[in-house]
PDB file of N, CA and C in Angstrom:
ATOM      1  N   MET A   1      69.837 119.129 102.974  1.00  0.00           N
ATOM      2  CA  MET A   1      70.069 118.106 102.994  1.00  0.00           C
ATOM      3  C   MET A   1      68.678 117.829 103.111  1.00  0.00           C
ATOM      4  N   ARG A   2      68.070 116.497 103.025  1.00  0.00           N
ATOM      5  CA  ARG A   2      66.709 115.620 103.722  1.00  0.00           C
ATOM      6  C   ARG A   2      67.092 114.856 105.093  1.00  0.00           C
ATOM      7  N   ALA A   3      66.221 115.988 106.386  1.00  0.00           N
ATOM      8  CA  ALA A   3      65.992 114.703 107.289  1.00  0.00           C
ATOM      9  C   ALA A   3      66.975 113.299 107.414  1.00  0.00           C
ATOM     10  N   ASP A   4      65.994 112.602 106.477  1.00  0.00           N
ATOM     11  CA  ASP A   4      66.355 111.262 106.867  1.00  0.00           C
ATOM     12  C   ASP A   4      67.740 110.780 105.876  1.00  0.00           C
ATOM     13  N   ALA A   5      68.116 111.304 105.285  1.00  0.00           N
ATOM     14  CA  ALA A   5      69.424 111.590 105.019  1.00  0.00           C
ATOM     15  C   ALA A   5      70.476 111.879 105.866  1.00  0.00           C
ATOM     16  N   HIS A   6      70.504 113.122 106.569  1.00  0.00           N
ATOM     17  CA  HIS A   6      70.975 112.424 107.675  1.00  0.00           C
ATOM     18  C   HIS A   6      70.742 112.003 108.636  1.00  0.00           C
ATOM     19  N   THR A   7      69.758 111.334 109.392  1.00  0.00           N
ATOM     20  CA  THR A   7      69.425 110.568 109.501  1.00  0.00           C
ATOM     21  C   THR A   7      70.225 108.989 109.723  1.00  0.00           C
ATOM     22  N   ARG A   8      70.283 108.446 108.373  1.00  0.00           N
ATOM     23  CA  ARG A   8      71.661 107.713 107.371  1.00  0.00           C
ATOM     24  C   ARG A   8      72.275 107.790 108.262  1.00  0.00           C
ATOM     25  N   GLU A   9      73.156 108.849 107.562  1.00  0.00           N
ATOM     26  CA  GLU A   9      74.968 109.502 107.727  1.00  0.00           C
ATOM     27  C   GLU A   9      74.448 109.097 109.687  1.00  0.00           C
ATOM     28  N   ALA A  10      73.685 109.315 110.617  1.00  0.00           N
ATOM     29  CA  ALA A  10      74.150 109.394 111.184  1.00  0.00           C
ATOM     30  C   ALA A  10      74.192 107.850 112.316  1.00  0.00           C
ATOM     31  N   ARG A  11      73.026 107.037 111.673  1.00  0.00           N
ATOM     32  CA  ARG A  11      73.559 105.590 112.123  1.00  0.00           C
ATOM     33  C   ARG A  11      74.380 104.895 110.889  1.00  0.00           C
ATOM     34  N   VAL A  12      75.249 105.786 109.996  1.00  0.00           N
ATOM     35  CA  VAL A  12      76.478 104.759 108.884  1.00  0.00           C
ATOM     36  C   VAL A  12      77.618 104.885 110.247  1.00  0.00           C
ATOM     37  N   GLU A  13      77.368 106.042 110.654  1.00  0.00           N
ATOM     38  CA  GLU A  13      79.168 107.052 111.670  1.00  0.00           C
ATOM     39  C   GLU A  13      78.616 106.395 112.705  1.00  0.00           C
ATOM     40  N   GLU A  14      77.691 105.755 113.788  1.00  0.00           N
ATOM     41  CA  GLU A  14      77.572 105.482 114.676  1.00  0.00           C
ATOM     42  C   GLU A  14      78.062 104.337 114.247  1.00  0.00           C
ATOM     43  N   VAL A  15      77.591 103.723 113.712  1.00  0.00           N
ATOM     44  CA  VAL A  15      77.493 101.923 113.404  1.00  0.00           C
ATOM     45  C   VAL A  15      79.340 102.128 113.154  1.00  0.00           C
ATOM     46  N   TYR A  16      80.432 102.817 112.071  1.00  0.00           N
ATOM     47  CA  TYR A  16      81.503 102.900 111.870  1.00  0.00           C
ATOM     48  C   TYR A  16      81.995 103.227 113.308  1.00  0.00           C
ATOM     49  N   ARG A  17      81.886 104.207 113.857  1.00  0.00           N
ATOM     50  CA  ARG A  17      82.241 104.517 115.101  1.00  0.00           C
ATOM     51  C   ARG A  17      81.803 103.172 116.283  1.00  0.00           C
ATOM     52  N   GLN A  18      81.471 102.378 116.571  1.00  0.00           N
ATOM     53  CA  GLN A  18      80.974 101.229 117.144  1.00  0.00           C
ATOM     54  C   GLN A  18      82.074  99.903 116.776  1.00  0.00           C
ATOM     55  N   GLU A  19      82.468  99.577 115.240  1.00  0.00           N
ATOM     56  CA  GLU A  19      83.393  98.969 114.441  1.00  0.00           C
ATOM     57  C   GLU A  19      85.036  99.482 115.434  1.00  0.00           C
ATOM     58  N   VAL A  20      84.972 100.259 115.013  1.00  0.00           N
ATOM     59  CA  VAL A  20      86.245 101.649 115.780  1.00  0.00           C
ATOM     60  C   VAL A  20      86.213 100.758 116.680  1.00  0.00           C
ATOM     61  N   ASP A  21      85.176 101.095 118.184  1.00  0.00           N
ATOM     62  CA  ASP A  21      85.673 101.185 119.751  1.00  0.00           C
ATOM     63  C   ASP A  21      85.971  99.905 119.342  1.00  0.00           C
ATOM     64  N   GLU A  22      85.237  98.616 119.117  1.00  0.00           N
ATOM     65  CA  GLU A  22      86.008  97.062 119.142  1.00  0.00           C
ATOM     66  C   GLU A  22      86.437  96.903 118.701  1.00  0.00           C
ATOM     67  N   LEU A  23      87.539  97.204 117.945  1.00  0.00           N
ATOM     68  CA  LEU A  23      88.387  96.881 116.974  1.00  0.00           C
ATOM     69  C   LEU A  23      89.693  97.465 117.342  1.00  0.00           C
ATOM     70  N   CYS A  24      89.641  98.635 118.559  1.00  0.00           N
ATOM     71  CA  CYS A  24      90.337  98.991 119.047  1.00  0.00           C
ATOM     72  C   CYS A  24      90.392  98.420 120.896  1.00  0.00           C
ATOM     73  N   ALA A  25      88.988  97.625 121.038  1.00  0.00           N
ATOM     74  CA  ALA A  25      88.846  96.724 121.554  1.00  0.00           C
ATOM     75  C   ALA A  25      90.449  95.518 121.888  1.00  0.00           C
ATOM     76  N   ALA A  26      90.220  94.741 121.176  1.00  0.00           N
ATOM     77  CA  ALA A  26      90.882  94.024 120.513  1.00  0.00           C
ATOM     78  C   ALA A  26      92.492  93.359 121.304  1.00  0.00           C
ATOM     79  N   PRO A  27      93.201  94.135 121.621  1.00  0.00           N
ATOM     80  CA  PRO A  27      95.120  94.367 121.961  1.00  0.00           C
ATOM     81  C   PRO A  27      94.810  94.342 123.544  1.00  0.00           C
ATOM     82  N   SER A  28      94.038  94.336 124.015  1.00  0.00           N
ATOM     83  CA  SER A  28      93.670  94.699 125.521  1.00  0.00           C
ATOM     84  C   SER A  28      93.718  92.656 125.547  1.00  0.00           C
ATOM     85  N   ALA A  29      92.860  92.656 124.998  1.00  0.00           N
ATOM     86  CA  ALA A  29      92.564  90.664 125.210  1.00  0.00           C
ATOM     87  C   ALA A  29      94.148  90.011 124.212  1.00  0.00           C
ATOM     88  N   PHE A  30      93.981  90.559 123.530  1.00  0.00           N
ATOM     89  CA  PHE A  30      95.378  89.733 122.669  1.00  0.00           C
ATOM     90  C   PHE A  30      96.376  89.733 123.809  1.00  0.00           C
ATOM     91  N   ARG A  31      97.150  90.577 123.890  1.00  0.00           N
ATOM     92  CA  ARG A  31      98.208  90.503 125.050  1.00  0.00           C
ATOM     93  C   ARG A  31      97.784  90.473 126.260  1.00  0.00           C
ATOM     94  N   GLU A  32      96.655  90.252 127.304  1.00  0.00           N
ATOM     95  CA  GLU A  32      96.440  88.715 127.686  1.00  0.00           C
ATOM     96  C   GLU A  32      97.036  87.825 127.853  1.00  0.00           C
ATOM     97  N   ARG A  33      96.299  86.778 126.360  1.00  0.00           N
ATOM     98  CA  ARG A  33      96.936  85.470 126.102  1.00  0.00           C
ATOM     99  C   ARG A  33      97.977  84.986 124.726  1.00  0.00           C
ATOM    100  N   HIS A  34      98.392  87.332 124.445  1.00  0.00           N
ATOM    101  CA  HIS A  34      99.598  86.568 123.708  1.00  0.00           C
ATOM    102  C   HIS A  34     101.175  87.208 123.683  1.00  0.00           C
ATOM    103  N   ALA A  35     102.172  87.115 123.517  1.00  0.00           N
ATOM    104  CA  ALA A  35     103.216  87.523 123.945  1.00  0.00           C
ATOM    105  C   ALA A  35     103.021  88.667 122.817  1.00  0.00           C
ATOM    106  N   PRO A  36     103.421  89.512 123.425  1.00  0.00           N
ATOM    107  CA  PRO A  36     103.651  91.100 122.257  1.00  0.00           C
ATOM    108  C   PRO A  36     103.091  91.251 121.435  1.00  0.00           C
ATOM    109  N   ASP A  37     105.463  90.557 121.362  1.00  0.00           N
ATOM    110  CA  ASP A  37     104.724  90.433 119.227  1.00  0.00           C
ATOM    111  C   ASP A  37     103.780  90.064 118.294  1.00  0.00           C
ATOM    112  N   GLU A  38     103.221  88.979 118.998  1.00  0.00           N
ATOM    113  CA  GLU A  38     102.199  88.307 118.191  1.00  0.00           C
ATOM    114  C   GLU A  38     100.693  89.018 118.729  1.00  0.00           C
ATOM    115  N   ALA A  39     100.631  89.606 119.529  1.00  0.00           N
ATOM    116  CA  ALA A  39      99.606  90.520 119.837  1.00  0.00           C
ATOM    117  C   ALA A  39     100.134  91.785 118.769  1.00  0.00           C
ATOM    118  N   LEU A  40     100.196  92.288 118.542  1.00  0.00           N
ATOM    119  CA  LEU A  40     101.142  92.946 117.163  1.00  0.00           C
ATOM    120  C   LEU A  40     100.554  92.467 116.589  1.00  0.00           C
ATOM    121  N   ARG A  41     100.952  91.311 116.146  1.00  0.00           N
ATOM    122  CA  ARG A  41     100.317  90.458 114.909  1.00  0.00           C
ATOM    123  C   ARG A  41      99.175  90.050 114.356  1.00  0.00           C
ATOM    124  N   GLN A  42      97.882  89.716 115.638  1.00  0.00           N
ATOM    125  CA  GLN A  42      96.504  90.141 115.638  1.00  0.00           C
ATOM    126  C   GLN A  42      95.845  90.510 115.597  1.00  0.00           C
ATOM    127  N   PHE A  43      96.356  91.638 116.126  1.00  0.00           N
ATOM    128  CA  PHE A  43      95.950  93.689 116.042  1.00  0.00           C
ATOM    129  C   PHE A  43      95.763  93.853 113.846  1.00  0.00           C
ATOM    130  N   LEU A  44      97.087  93.724 113.910  1.00  0.00           N
ATOM    131  CA  LEU A  44      97.699  94.054 112.088  1.00  0.00           C
ATOM    132  C   LEU A  44      96.263  93.092 111.655  1.00  0.00           C
ATOM    133  N   LEU A  45      96.405  92.110 111.978  1.00  0.00           N
ATOM    134  CA  LEU A  45      95.898  91.143 111.233  1.00  0.00           C
ATOM    135  C   LEU A  45      93.545  91.991 110.427  1.00  0.00           C
ATOM    136  N   LEU A  46      94.162  91.954 112.342  1.00  0.00           N
ATOM    137  CA  LEU A  46      92.225  93.079 112.196  1.00  0.00           C
ATOM    138  C   LEU A  46      92.819  94.238 111.332  1.00  0.00           C
ATOM    139  N   LEU A  47      93.379  94.613 111.352  1.00  0.00           N
ATOM    140  CA  LEU A  47      93.491  96.511 110.814  1.00  0.00           C
ATOM    141  C   LEU A  47      93.552  95.446 109.790  1.00  0.00           C
ATOM    142  N   VAL A  48      93.830  94.845 108.957  1.00  0.00           N
ATOM    143  CA  VAL A  48      94.248  94.248 107.666  1.00  0.00           C
ATOM    144  C   VAL A  48      92.426  93.836 106.674  1.00  0.00           C
ATOM    145  N   ASP A  49      91.376  93.569 108.341  1.00  0.00           N
ATOM    146  CA  ASP A  49      90.326  92.865 107.322  1.00  0.00           C
ATOM    147  C   ASP A  49      89.088  94.546 107.731  1.00  0.00           C
ATOM    148  N   HIS A  50      90.033  95.427 108.336  1.00  0.00           N
ATOM    149  CA  HIS A  50      88.976  96.036 108.756  1.00  0.00           C
ATOM    150  C   HIS A  50      89.111  97.190 107.838  1.00  0.00           C
ATOM    151  N   ALA A  51      90.275  97.422 106.834  1.00  0.00           N
ATOM    152  CA  ALA A  51      90.528  98.147 105.817  1.00  0.00           C
ATOM    153  C   ALA A  51      89.970  97.509 104.852  1.00  0.00           C
ATOM    154  N   ALA A  52      90.209  96.046 104.739  1.00  0.00           N
ATOM    155  CA  ALA A  52      89.211  95.797 103.417  1.00  0.00           C
ATOM    156  C   ALA A  52      87.918  95.574 103.634  1.00  0.00           C
ATOM    157  N   VAL A  53      87.635  95.765 104.743  1.00  0.00           N
ATOM    158  CA  VAL A  53      85.555  95.766 104.796  1.00  0.00           C
ATOM    159  C   VAL A  53      85.662  97.594 104.618  1.00  0.00           C
ATOM    160  N   GLY A  54      86.542  98.086 104.979  1.00  0.00           N
ATOM    161  CA  GLY A  54      85.740  99.254 104.736  1.00  0.00           C
ATOM    162  C   GLY A  54      85.925  99.759 103.509  1.00  0.00           C
ATOM    163  N   LYS A  55      86.789  99.523 102.472  1.00  0.00           N
ATOM    164  CA  LYS A  55      86.952  99.417 100.825  1.00  0.00           C
ATOM    165  C   LYS A  55      85.487  99.058 100.503  1.00  0.00           C
ATOM    166  N   GLY A  56      85.065  97.649 101.135  1.00  0.00           N
ATOM    167  CA  GLY A  56      83.882  97.481 100.257  1.00  0.00           C
ATOM    168  C   GLY A  56      82.515  98.022 100.422  1.00  0.00           C
ATOM    169  N   LYS A  57      82.916  98.648 101.829  1.00  0.00           N
ATOM    170  CA  LYS A  57      81.768  99.939 102.101  1.00  0.00           C
ATOM    171  C   LYS A  57      81.587 100.985 102.217  1.00  0.00           C
ATOM    172  N   ALA A  58      82.806 100.869 100.778  1.00  0.00           N
ATOM    173  CA  ALA A  58      82.494 102.911 100.507  1.00  0.00           C
ATOM    174  C   ALA A  58      81.948 103.566 100.242  1.00  0.00           C
ATOM    175  N   ALA A  59      81.040 102.935  99.315  1.00  0.00           N
ATOM    176  CA  ALA A  59      79.195 104.101  98.604  1.00  0.00           C
ATOM    177  C   ALA A  59      79.026 104.319 100.615  1.00  0.00           C
ATOM    178  N   THR A  60      78.786 103.809 100.999  1.00  0.00           N
ATOM    179  CA  THR A  60      78.481 103.976 102.279  1.00  0.00           C
ATOM    180  C   THR A  60      78.484 104.726 103.147  1.00  0.00           C
ATOM    181  N   LEU A  61      80.112 104.644 103.403  1.00  0.00           N
ATOM    182  CA  LEU A  61      80.857 105.604 103.941  1.00  0.00           C
ATOM    183  C   LEU A  61      80.748 107.090 103.336  1.00  0.00           C
ATOM    184  N   GLU A  62      81.121 106.474 102.440  1.00  0.00           N
ATOM    185  CA  GLU A  62      81.032 107.749 101.377  1.00  0.00           C
ATOM    186  C   GLU A  62      79.611 109.583 102.022  1.00  0.00           C
ATOM    187  N   SER A  63      78.752 108.541 102.090  1.00  0.00           N
ATOM    188  CA  SER A  63      78.538 109.681 103.146  1.00  0.00           C
ATOM    189  C   SER A  63      78.738 110.164 104.420  1.00  0.00           C
ATOM    190  N   ILE A  64      79.096 110.038 104.426  1.00  0.00           N
ATOM    191  CA  ILE A  64      79.229 110.514 106.140  1.00  0.00           C
ATOM    192  C   ILE A  64      81.311 111.321 105.403  1.00  0.00           C
ATOM    193  N   MET A  65      81.738 111.010 105.073  1.00  0.00           N
ATOM    194  CA  MET A  65      82.788 111.939 103.834  1.00  0.00           C
ATOM    195  C   MET A  65      83.285 112.253 103.218  1.00  0.00           C
ATOM    196  N   ALA A  66      81.646 113.152 102.923  1.00  0.00           N
ATOM    197  CA  ALA A  66      81.009 114.618 102.747  1.00  0.00           C
ATOM    198  C   ALA A  66      81.061 115.393 103.742  1.00  0.00           C
ATOM    199  N   THR A  67      80.439 115.002 104.762  1.00  0.00           N
ATOM    200  CA  THR A  67      80.269 115.568 105.820  1.00  0.00           C
ATOM    201  C   THR A  67      81.558 116.400 106.440  1.00  0.00           C
ATOM    202  N   ASP A  68      80.761 117.620 107.518  1.00  0.00           N
ATOM    203  CA  ASP A  68      82.568 117.934 107.988  1.00  0.00           C
ATOM    204  C   ASP A  68      82.955 116.522 109.812  1.00  0.00           C
ATOM    205  N   SER A  69      82.332 115.605 109.534  1.00  0.00           N
ATOM    206  CA  SER A  69      82.164 114.887 111.297  1.00  0.00           C
ATOM    207  C   SER A  69      83.498 113.999 111.098  1.00  0.00           C
ATOM    208  N   PRO A  70      84.828 114.170 112.326  1.00  0.00           N
ATOM    209  CA  PRO A  70      85.601 113.930 112.799  1.00  0.00           C
ATOM    210  C   PRO A  70      85.929 112.148 112.739  1.00  0.00           C
ATOM    211  N   VAL A  71      84.688 111.133 112.743  1.00  0.00           N
ATOM    212  CA  VAL A  71      84.770 109.834 113.198  1.00  0.00           C
ATOM    213  C   VAL A  71      86.036 108.669 112.178  1.00  0.00           C
ATOM    214  N   PHE A  72      86.486 109.731 111.438  1.00  0.00           N
ATOM    215  CA  PHE A  72      87.839 109.253 110.599  1.00  0.00           C
ATOM    216  C   PHE A  72      88.797 109.647 111.251  1.00  0.00           C
ATOM    217  N   ASP A  73      88.977 110.757 111.192  1.00  0.00           N
ATOM    218  CA  ASP A  73      90.159 111.203 112.535  1.00  0.00           C
ATOM    219  C   ASP A  73      89.800 110.997 113.004  1.00  0.00           C
ATOM    220  N   ASN A  74      88.816 110.718 114.098  1.00  0.00           N
ATOM    221  CA  ASN A  74      88.621 109.982 115.821  1.00  0.00           C
ATOM    222  C   ASN A  74      89.679 108.380 115.552  1.00  0.00           C
ATOM    223  N   ALA A  75      88.558 108.257 114.505  1.00  0.00           N
ATOM    224  CA  ALA A  75      89.004 106.739 114.477  1.00  0.00           C
ATOM    225  C   ALA A  75      90.143 106.893 114.371  1.00  0.00           C
ATOM    226  N   ARG A  76      90.933 106.973 113.816  1.00  0.00           N
ATOM    227  CA  ARG A  76      92.933 106.787 112.997  1.00  0.00           C
ATOM    228  C   ARG A  76      93.400 107.087 114.385  1.00  0.00           C
ATOM    229  N   SER A  77      93.337 108.282 115.201  1.00  0.00           N
ATOM    230  CA  SER A  77      93.689 107.904 116.111  1.00  0.00           C
ATOM    231  C   SER A  77      93.514 106.863 117.302  1.00  0.00           C
ATOM    232  N   GLN A  78      92.708 106.362 117.500  1.00  0.00           N
ATOM    233  CA  GLN A  78      92.351 105.915 118.432  1.00  0.00           C
ATOM    234  C   GLN A  78      92.822 104.412 118.277  1.00  0.00           C
ATOM    235  N   MET A  79      93.437 103.955 116.747  1.00  0.00           N
ATOM    236  CA  MET A  79      94.048 102.550 115.701  1.00  0.00           C
ATOM    237  C   MET A  79      95.116 102.645 116.199  1.00  0.00           C
ATOM    238  N   ALA A  80      95.495 104.320 116.141  1.00  0.00           N
ATOM    239  CA  ALA A  80      97.419 104.658 116.394  1.00  0.00           C
ATOM    240  C   ALA A  80      97.558 104.568 117.371  1.00  0.00           C
ATOM    241  N   LEU A  81      96.551 105.078 118.807  1.00  0.00           N
ATOM    242  CA  LEU A  81      96.987 104.794 120.455  1.00  0.00           C
ATOM    243  C   LEU A  81      96.718 103.943 120.230  1.00  0.00           C
ATOM    244  N   ALA A  82      95.866 102.031 120.558  1.00  0.00           N
ATOM    245  CA  ALA A  82      95.769 101.006 120.661  1.00  0.00           C
ATOM    246  C   ALA A  82      97.676 100.599 119.725  1.00  0.00           C
ATOM    247  N   LEU A  83      97.604 100.521 118.343  1.00  0.00           N
ATOM    248  CA  LEU A  83      99.595 100.130 117.761  1.00  0.00           C
ATOM    249  C   LEU A  83     100.703 100.767 119.387  1.00  0.00           C
ATOM    250  N   ASP A  84     100.177 102.176 119.524  1.00  0.00           N
ATOM    251  CA  ASP A  84     100.904 102.658 120.162  1.00  0.00           C
ATOM    252  C   ASP A  84     101.007 101.913 121.479  1.00  0.00           C
ATOM    253  N   ARG A  85     100.197 101.376 122.219  1.00  0.00           N
ATOM    254  CA  ARG A  85     100.274 100.294 123.182  1.00  0.00           C
ATOM    255  C   ARG A  85     101.251  98.822 123.350  1.00  0.00           C
ATOM    256  N   LEU A  86     100.643  98.294 121.632  1.00  0.00           N
ATOM    257  CA  LEU A  86     101.632  97.452 121.351  1.00  0.00           C
ATOM    258  C   LEU A  86     102.452  97.089 121.790  1.00  0.00           C
ATOM    259  N   LEU A  87     103.177  98.360 120.926  1.00  0.00           N
ATOM    260  CA  LEU A  87     104.446  99.052 120.265  1.00  0.00           C
ATOM    261  C   LEU A  87     105.125  98.606 121.616  1.00  0.00           C
ATOM    262  N   ALA A  88     105.119  99.473 122.743  1.00  0.00           N
ATOM    263  CA  ALA A  88     105.324  99.927 123.966  1.00  0.00           C
ATOM    264  C   ALA A  88     105.596  98.947 124.491  1.00  0.00           C
ATOM    265  N   ALA A  89     104.209  97.707 124.557  1.00  0.00           N
ATOM    266  CA  ALA A  89     104.584  96.331 125.277  1.00  0.00           C
ATOM    267  C   ALA A  89     105.330  95.559 124.537  1.00  0.00           C
ATOM    268  N   GLY A  90     106.155  95.654 122.937  1.00  0.00           N
ATOM    269  CA  GLY A  90     106.745  94.638 122.420  1.00  0.00           C
ATOM    270  C   GLY A  90     107.789  95.017 122.639  1.00  0.00           C
ATOM    271  N   ALA A  91     108.735  96.627 122.814  1.00  0.00           N
ATOM    272  CA  ALA A  91     109.972  97.114 122.054  1.00  0.00           C
ATOM    273  C   ALA A  91     110.288  97.149 123.805  1.00  0.00           C
ATOM    274  N   ALA A  92     109.525  97.387 125.218  1.00  0.00           N
ATOM    275  CA  ALA A  92     110.323  96.997 126.366  1.00  0.00           C
ATOM    276  C   ALA A  92     110.127  94.551 126.845  1.00  0.00           C
ATOM    277  N   ALA A  93     109.616  94.563 126.005  1.00  0.00           N
ATOM    278  CA  ALA A  93     109.881  92.808 126.044  1.00  0.00           C
ATOM    279  C   ALA A  93     111.140  92.990 125.553  1.00  0.00           C
ATOM    280  N   GLY A  94     111.577  93.491 124.038  1.00  0.00           N
ATOM    281  CA  GLY A  94     112.669  93.833 123.451  1.00  0.00           C
ATOM    282  C   GLY A  94     112.348  92.234 121.667  1.00  0.00           C
ATOM    283  N   THR A  95     111.421  92.068 122.112  1.00  0.00           N
ATOM    284  CA  THR A  95     110.587  91.631 120.608  1.00  0.00           C
ATOM    285  C   THR A  95     110.386  92.305 119.429  1.00  0.00           C
ATOM    286  N   ILE A  96     110.023  93.944 119.522  1.00  0.00           N
ATOM    287  CA  ILE A  96     109.996  94.077 118.755  1.00  0.00           C
ATOM    288  C   ILE A  96     110.864  95.516 118.999  1.00  0.00           C
ATOM    289  N   ARG A  97     111.099  96.191 118.095  1.00  0.00           N
ATOM    290  CA  ARG A  97     112.157  97.571 117.677  1.00  0.00           C
ATOM    291  C   ARG A  97     111.061  98.721 118.018  1.00  0.00           C
ATOM    292  N   GLY A  98     111.994  99.506 119.661  1.00  0.00           N
ATOM    293  CA  GLY A  98     111.649 100.630 120.068  1.00  0.00           C
ATOM    294  C   GLY A  98     111.497 102.452 118.777  1.00  0.00           C
ATOM    295  N   GLY A  99     110.967 102.949 119.120  1.00  0.00           N
ATOM    296  CA  GLY A  99     110.856 104.333 118.415  1.00  0.00           C
ATOM    297  C   GLY A  99     110.040 104.128 117.211  1.00  0.00           C
ATOM    298  N   VAL A 100     109.107 103.470 116.950  1.00  0.00           N
ATOM    299  CA  VAL A 100     108.358 103.105 116.339  1.00  0.00           C
ATOM    300  C   VAL A 100     107.036 103.084 116.733  1.00  0.00           C
ATOM    301  N   HIS A 101     106.196 104.211 115.593  1.00  0.00           N
ATOM    302  CA  HIS A 101     104.640 105.072 116.006  1.00  0.00           C
ATOM    303  C   HIS A 101     103.716 104.121 115.486  1.00  0.00           C
ATOM    304  N   GLY A 102     102.581 104.229 116.264  1.00  0.00           N
ATOM    305  CA  GLY A 102     101.521 103.832 115.945  1.00  0.00           C
ATOM    306  C   GLY A 102     100.841 104.486 114.511  1.00  0.00           C
ATOM    307  N   ARG A 103     100.664 105.937 114.375  1.00  0.00           N
ATOM    308  CA  ARG A 103     100.351 106.260 112.784  1.00  0.00           C
ATOM    309  C   ARG A 103     101.205 106.511 111.883  1.00  0.00           C
ATOM    310  N   THR A 104     102.968 106.051 111.949  1.00  0.00           N
ATOM    311  CA  THR A 104     103.459 104.675 111.413  1.00  0.00           C
ATOM    312  C   THR A 104     103.147 103.556 110.615  1.00  0.00           C
ATOM    313  N   VAL A 105     102.619 102.351 110.943  1.00  0.00           N
ATOM    314  CA  VAL A 105     102.835 101.253 111.113  1.00  0.00           C
ATOM    315  C   VAL A 105     101.186 101.795 110.605  1.00  0.00           C
ATOM    316  N   LEU A 106     100.263 102.227 111.583  1.00  0.00           N
ATOM    317  CA  LEU A 106      98.928 102.196 110.876  1.00  0.00           C
ATOM    318  C   LEU A 106      98.388 101.828 108.975  1.00  0.00           C
ATOM    319  N   ARG A 107      99.718 102.823 108.790  1.00  0.00           N
ATOM    320  CA  ARG A 107      99.910 103.770 107.053  1.00  0.00           C
ATOM    321  C   ARG A 107      99.714 102.281 106.526  1.00  0.00           C
ATOM    322  N   ALA A 108     100.536 101.405 107.140  1.00  0.00           N
ATOM    323  CA  ALA A 108     100.412  99.544 106.579  1.00  0.00           C
ATOM    324  C   ALA A 108      98.818  99.249 106.188  1.00  0.00           C
ATOM    325  N   PRO A 109      98.528  98.844 106.607  1.00  0.00           N
ATOM    326  CA  PRO A 109      96.578  98.178 106.646  1.00  0.00           C
ATOM    327  C   PRO A 109      96.716  98.200 105.589  1.00  0.00           C
ATOM    328  N   GLY A 110      96.449  99.683 104.978  1.00  0.00           N
ATOM    329  CA  GLY A 110      95.651 100.381 103.875  1.00  0.00           C
ATOM    330  C   GLY A 110      95.959 100.333 102.856  1.00  0.00           C
ATOM    331  N   GLY A 111      97.786 100.742 102.740  1.00  0.00           N
ATOM    332  CA  GLY A 111      98.211 100.384 101.756  1.00  0.00           C
ATOM    333  C   GLY A 111      98.114  98.838 101.198  1.00  0.00           C
ATOM    334  N   ILE A 112      97.882  98.097 101.863  1.00  0.00           N
ATOM    335  CA  ILE A 112      97.973  96.137 101.825  1.00  0.00           C
ATOM    336  C   ILE A 112      96.390  96.061 101.186  1.00  0.00           C
ATOM    337  N   CYS A 113      96.040  96.493 101.748  1.00  0.00           N
ATOM    338  CA  CYS A 113      94.894  96.515 100.622  1.00  0.00           C
ATOM    339  C   CYS A 113      94.210  97.590  99.528  1.00  0.00           C
ATOM    340  N   GLY A 114      95.058  98.173  99.727  1.00  0.00           N
ATOM    341  CA  GLY A 114      94.465  98.637  98.134  1.00  0.00           C
ATOM    342  C   GLY A 114      95.907  98.380  96.865  1.00  0.00           C
ATOM    343  N   MET A 115      96.890  97.747  98.251  1.00  0.00           N
ATOM    344  CA  MET A 115      97.660  97.252  96.605  1.00  0.00           C
ATOM    345  C   MET A 115      96.680  96.051  96.135  1.00  0.00           C
ATOM    346  N   HIS A 116      96.350  95.185  97.462  1.00  0.00           N
ATOM    347  CA  HIS A 116      95.582  93.760  96.865  1.00  0.00           C
ATOM    348  C   HIS A 116      94.076  94.225  96.242  1.00  0.00           C
ATOM    349  N   ALA A 117      93.665  94.992  95.996  1.00  0.00           N
ATOM    350  CA  ALA A 117      93.019  95.922  94.956  1.00  0.00           C
ATOM    351  C   ALA A 117      93.027  96.021  94.304  1.00  0.00           C
ATOM    352  N   THR A 118      93.938  96.979  93.424  1.00  0.00           N
ATOM    353  CA  THR A 118      95.306  97.437  92.417  1.00  0.00           C
ATOM    354  C   THR A 118      95.299  95.819  92.096  1.00  0.00           C
ATOM    355  N   GLU A 119      95.919  94.504  91.935  1.00  0.00           N
ATOM    356  CA  GLU A 119      96.289  93.373  91.675  1.00  0.00           C
ATOM    357  C   GLU A 119      95.723  93.036  91.380  1.00  0.00           C
ATOM    358  N   GLY A 120      94.050  92.894  91.929  1.00  0.00           N
ATOM    359  CA  GLY A 120      93.149  91.988  91.921  1.00  0.00           C
ATOM    360  C   GLY A 120      91.835  92.972  90.208  1.00  0.00           C
ATOM    361  N   SER A 121      92.273  93.938  90.036  1.00  0.00           N
ATOM    362  CA  SER A 121      91.085  94.573  89.342  1.00  0.00           C
ATOM    363  C   SER A 121      92.666  93.888  87.573  1.00  0.00           C
ATOM    364  N   ALA A 122      93.540  93.825  88.389  1.00  0.00           N
ATOM    365  CA  ALA A 122      93.888  93.926  86.603  1.00  0.00           C
ATOM    366  C   ALA A 122      93.465  92.283  85.903  1.00  0.00           C
ATOM    367  N   THR A 123      93.304  92.061  86.561  1.00  0.00           N
ATOM    368  CA  THR A 123      92.895  90.574  86.313  1.00  0.00           C
ATOM    369  C   THR A 123      91.740  90.251  85.355  1.00  0.00           C
TER     370      THR A 123
END
């Protein structure tokens, strides 16, 4: 691999990490301003946007998908942890059913974006 390609991959990975860090910082602000169920809704909307933008950046992100980088696994872990906190707050408030895990909920935004892309390509 050429050095400039490696540098490009490192930059793409760093930008992606920063985006995920910012995304996962949002629930704290949502919890300060909203009831737990609304904070969860707001974060889910951000996750759907993130997944949709990720689909649009697929060609760029492919460069790091081919490496052994843990960036995507780490991102999923961060997002799941943020969801776990929101779900726990909602369960404690009685507005969200308990026993639901962030990793389970995290699958929904990707599926929604995948369905939308499939529906959009059929037209």
